[in-house]
Amino acid sequence: MKLLSPMELLAAEEGRQEGRQEGRQERAWEDILAVLEVRFGEVPYGVREQVQSVQDEGGLRQLLRAASIVPNLEALQAQLQ
């Protein structure tokens, strides 16, 4: 087994953290789109793109809350702009 240098260990840890962050982000997108689909039926491609343009955790949490209470997709899109 090869021993890793401190720089290699740091790079590996950063890669793991980045992978976990991307996983949380993808899960949030899936959750938001699932809520919208249950509430409004098929979610148009443009709305999907707008949802997936939100990258930060706080924005995704806020978007999930909005998805559960907005009266329609147009209201959600207005919040995304």
Protein backbone atom coordinates (compact mmCIF):
# COMPACT_ATOMS: atom_id res chain seq x y z
CA MET A 1 0.00 0.00 0.00
CA LYS A 2 1.44 3.36 -1.05
CA LEU A 3 1.69 6.06 1.59
CA LEU A 4 0.20 9.38 0.56
CA SER A 5 1.87 12.71 1.07
CA PRO A 6 0.11 15.39 3.13
CA MET A 7 -0.80 17.20 -0.10
CA GLU A 8 -2.29 14.02 -1.59
CA LEU A 9 -4.29 13.40 1.58
CA LEU A 10 -5.58 16.98 1.53
CA ALA A 11 -6.56 16.70 -2.15
CA ALA A 12 -8.33 13.39 -1.50
CA GLU A 13 -10.29 14.89 1.42
CA GLU A 14 -11.26 17.94 -0.63
CA GLY A 15 -12.46 15.63 -3.40
CA ARG A 16 -14.61 13.66 -0.93
CA GLN A 17 -16.10 16.86 0.48
CA GLU A 18 -16.86 18.17 -3.00
CA GLY A 19 -18.51 14.87 -3.91
CA ARG A 20 -20.68 14.96 -0.79
CA GLN A 21 -21.69 18.56 -1.55
CA GLU A 22 -22.64 17.66 -5.11
CA GLY A 23 -24.66 14.72 -3.79
CA ARG A 24 -26.58 16.95 -1.38
CA GLN A 25 -27.22 19.44 -4.16
CA GLU A 26 -28.54 16.78 -6.54
CA ARG A 27 -30.74 15.34 -3.77
CA ALA A 28 -32.18 18.80 -3.07
CA TRP A 29 -32.96 19.31 -6.77
CA GLU A 30 -34.68 15.90 -6.87
CA ASP A 31 -36.72 16.72 -3.75
CA ILE A 32 -37.82 20.10 -5.10
CA LEU A 33 -38.79 18.67 -8.48
CA ALA A 34 -40.66 15.80 -6.79
CA VAL A 35 -42.71 18.27 -4.73
CA LEU A 36 -43.50 20.29 -7.85
CA GLU A 37 -44.47 17.16 -9.79
CA VAL A 38 -46.81 15.95 -7.06
CA ARG A 39 -48.44 19.36 -6.77
CA PHE A 40 -48.61 20.44 -10.43
CA GLY A 41 -47.96 17.41 -12.63
CA GLU A 42 -45.19 17.31 -15.18
CA VAL A 43 -42.62 20.03 -14.57
CA PRO A 44 -41.62 21.88 -17.75
CA TYR A 45 -37.99 21.72 -18.86
CA GLY A 46 -37.49 25.46 -18.33
CA VAL A 47 -38.60 25.23 -14.71
CA ARG A 48 -36.29 22.25 -14.19
CA GLU A 49 -33.39 24.29 -15.55
CA GLN A 50 -34.23 27.19 -13.26
CA VAL A 51 -34.39 24.91 -10.22
CA GLN A 52 -31.06 23.32 -11.12
CA SER A 53 -29.44 26.73 -11.52
CA VAL A 54 -29.74 27.23 -7.74
CA GLN A 55 -26.45 26.05 -6.26
CA ASP A 56 -26.22 27.15 -2.63
CA GLU A 57 -27.70 25.17 0.26
CA GLY A 58 -29.64 28.11 1.70
CA GLY A 59 -31.22 28.88 -1.65
CA LEU A 60 -32.16 25.24 -2.13
CA ARG A 61 -33.81 25.06 1.32
CA GLN A 62 -35.75 28.22 0.57
CA LEU A 63 -36.76 26.87 -2.83
CA LEU A 64 -38.03 23.61 -1.31
CA ARG A 65 -40.21 25.58 1.10
CA ALA A 66 -41.49 27.76 -1.74
CA ALA A 67 -42.23 24.69 -3.88
CA SER A 68 -44.50 23.39 -1.15
CA ILE A 69 -46.60 26.55 -0.82
CA VAL A 70 -46.64 28.47 -4.12
CA PRO A 71 -50.06 28.49 -5.80
CA ASN A 72 -48.63 27.63 -9.24
CA LEU A 73 -45.43 27.18 -11.22
CA GLU A 74 -45.52 30.76 -12.45
CA ALA A 75 -45.28 32.02 -8.87
CA LEU A 76 -42.27 29.80 -8.30
CA GLN A 77 -40.62 31.05 -11.48
CA ALA A 78 -41.17 34.62 -10.32
CA GLN A 79 -39.28 33.80 -7.11
CA LEU A 80 -36.45 32.23 -9.11
CA GLN A 81 -35.81 35.41 -11.11
